């Protein structure tokens, strides 16, 4: 099933699932770090990429969407 990036229902799903997946004991630490490290680095080191005109929130939302899709595919039936 193809999910729209612009669907309010999809974003509500993503926003609800990210905290549950991050704090789930069933999701490996590697998968959690695969999401957390790039987002934290982008928030802490914004001057490293001065020519990239992407807002921190936009990068975080993109990463959240990717993380939820990735973990739901990898750990089918979780939560």
Protein backbone atom coordinates (compact mmCIF):
# COMPACT_ATOMS: atom_id res chain seq x y z
CA UNK A 1 0.00 0.00 0.00
CA UNK A 2 1.45 3.34 -1.07
CA UNK A 3 1.20 5.99 1.63
CA UNK A 4 1.10 9.68 0.84
CA UNK A 5 3.73 11.89 2.44
CA UNK A 6 1.21 14.72 2.63
CA UNK A 7 -1.55 12.80 4.40
CA UNK A 8 -2.46 14.14 7.84
CA UNK A 9 -3.38 10.60 8.90
CA UNK A 10 0.11 9.38 7.92
CA UNK A 11 1.86 12.15 9.88
CA UNK A 12 -0.27 11.49 12.96
CA UNK A 13 0.78 7.84 12.69
CA UNK A 14 4.46 8.81 12.38
CA UNK A 15 4.32 11.24 15.32
CA UNK A 16 2.67 8.63 17.55
CA UNK A 17 4.97 5.77 16.56
CA UNK A 18 8.41 7.42 16.82
CA UNK A 19 8.48 7.70 20.64
CA UNK A 20 7.08 4.17 21.02
CA UNK A 21 9.68 2.75 18.65
CA UNK A 22 12.57 4.69 20.18
CA UNK A 23 11.73 3.41 23.67
CA UNK A 24 10.78 -0.12 22.60
CA UNK A 25 13.04 -2.87 23.91
CA UNK A 26 12.26 -4.96 20.83
CA UNK A 27 13.93 -2.49 18.43
CA UNK A 28 17.70 -2.91 18.32
CA UNK A 29 20.00 -0.17 19.55
CA UNK A 30 21.62 -0.06 16.11
CA UNK A 31 18.29 0.82 14.48
CA UNK A 32 17.60 3.51 17.09
CA UNK A 33 21.04 5.01 16.56
CA UNK A 34 20.55 4.90 12.80
CA UNK A 35 17.77 7.44 13.35
CA UNK A 36 19.05 9.38 16.37
CA UNK A 37 22.68 10.12 15.48
CA UNK A 38 22.09 11.84 12.11
CA UNK A 39 19.21 13.90 13.51
CA UNK A 40 21.14 14.97 16.60
CA UNK A 41 24.22 15.80 14.55
CA UNK A 42 22.16 17.89 12.15
CA UNK A 43 20.61 19.81 15.05
CA UNK A 44 23.92 20.34 16.88
CA UNK A 45 26.16 21.02 13.88
CA UNK A 46 24.09 23.19 11.51
CA UNK A 47 27.12 25.22 10.42
CA UNK A 48 28.88 22.17 9.02
CA UNK A 49 26.56 22.24 6.00
CA UNK A 50 26.04 25.99 5.42
CA UNK A 51 25.15 25.60 1.76
CA UNK A 52 22.30 23.16 2.44
CA UNK A 53 19.16 25.31 2.84
CA UNK A 54 17.06 22.67 4.59
CA UNK A 55 15.46 23.50 7.90
CA UNK A 56 16.26 21.37 10.96
CA UNK A 57 12.60 20.50 11.42
CA UNK A 58 12.30 19.37 7.80
CA UNK A 59 15.28 17.05 8.16
CA UNK A 60 13.88 15.69 11.42
CA UNK A 61 10.45 15.05 9.88
CA UNK A 62 12.03 13.30 6.90
CA UNK A 63 14.12 11.14 9.25
CA UNK A 64 11.07 10.33 11.41
CA UNK A 65 9.08 9.24 8.36
CA UNK A 66 11.93 7.08 7.12
CA UNK A 67 12.54 5.58 10.60
CA UNK A 68 8.91 4.56 11.10
CA UNK A 69 8.74 2.97 7.64
CA UNK A 70 12.06 1.17 8.14
CA UNK A 71 11.28 -0.20 11.60
CA UNK A 72 7.71 -1.22 10.71
CA UNK A 73 9.03 -3.19 7.73
CA UNK A 74 11.91 -4.75 9.67
CA UNK A 75 9.91 -5.57 12.82
CA UNK A 76 6.52 -6.52 11.38
CA UNK A 77 3.85 -6.86 14.06
CA UNK A 78 5.71 -4.71 16.61
CA UNK A 79 3.54 -2.69 18.98
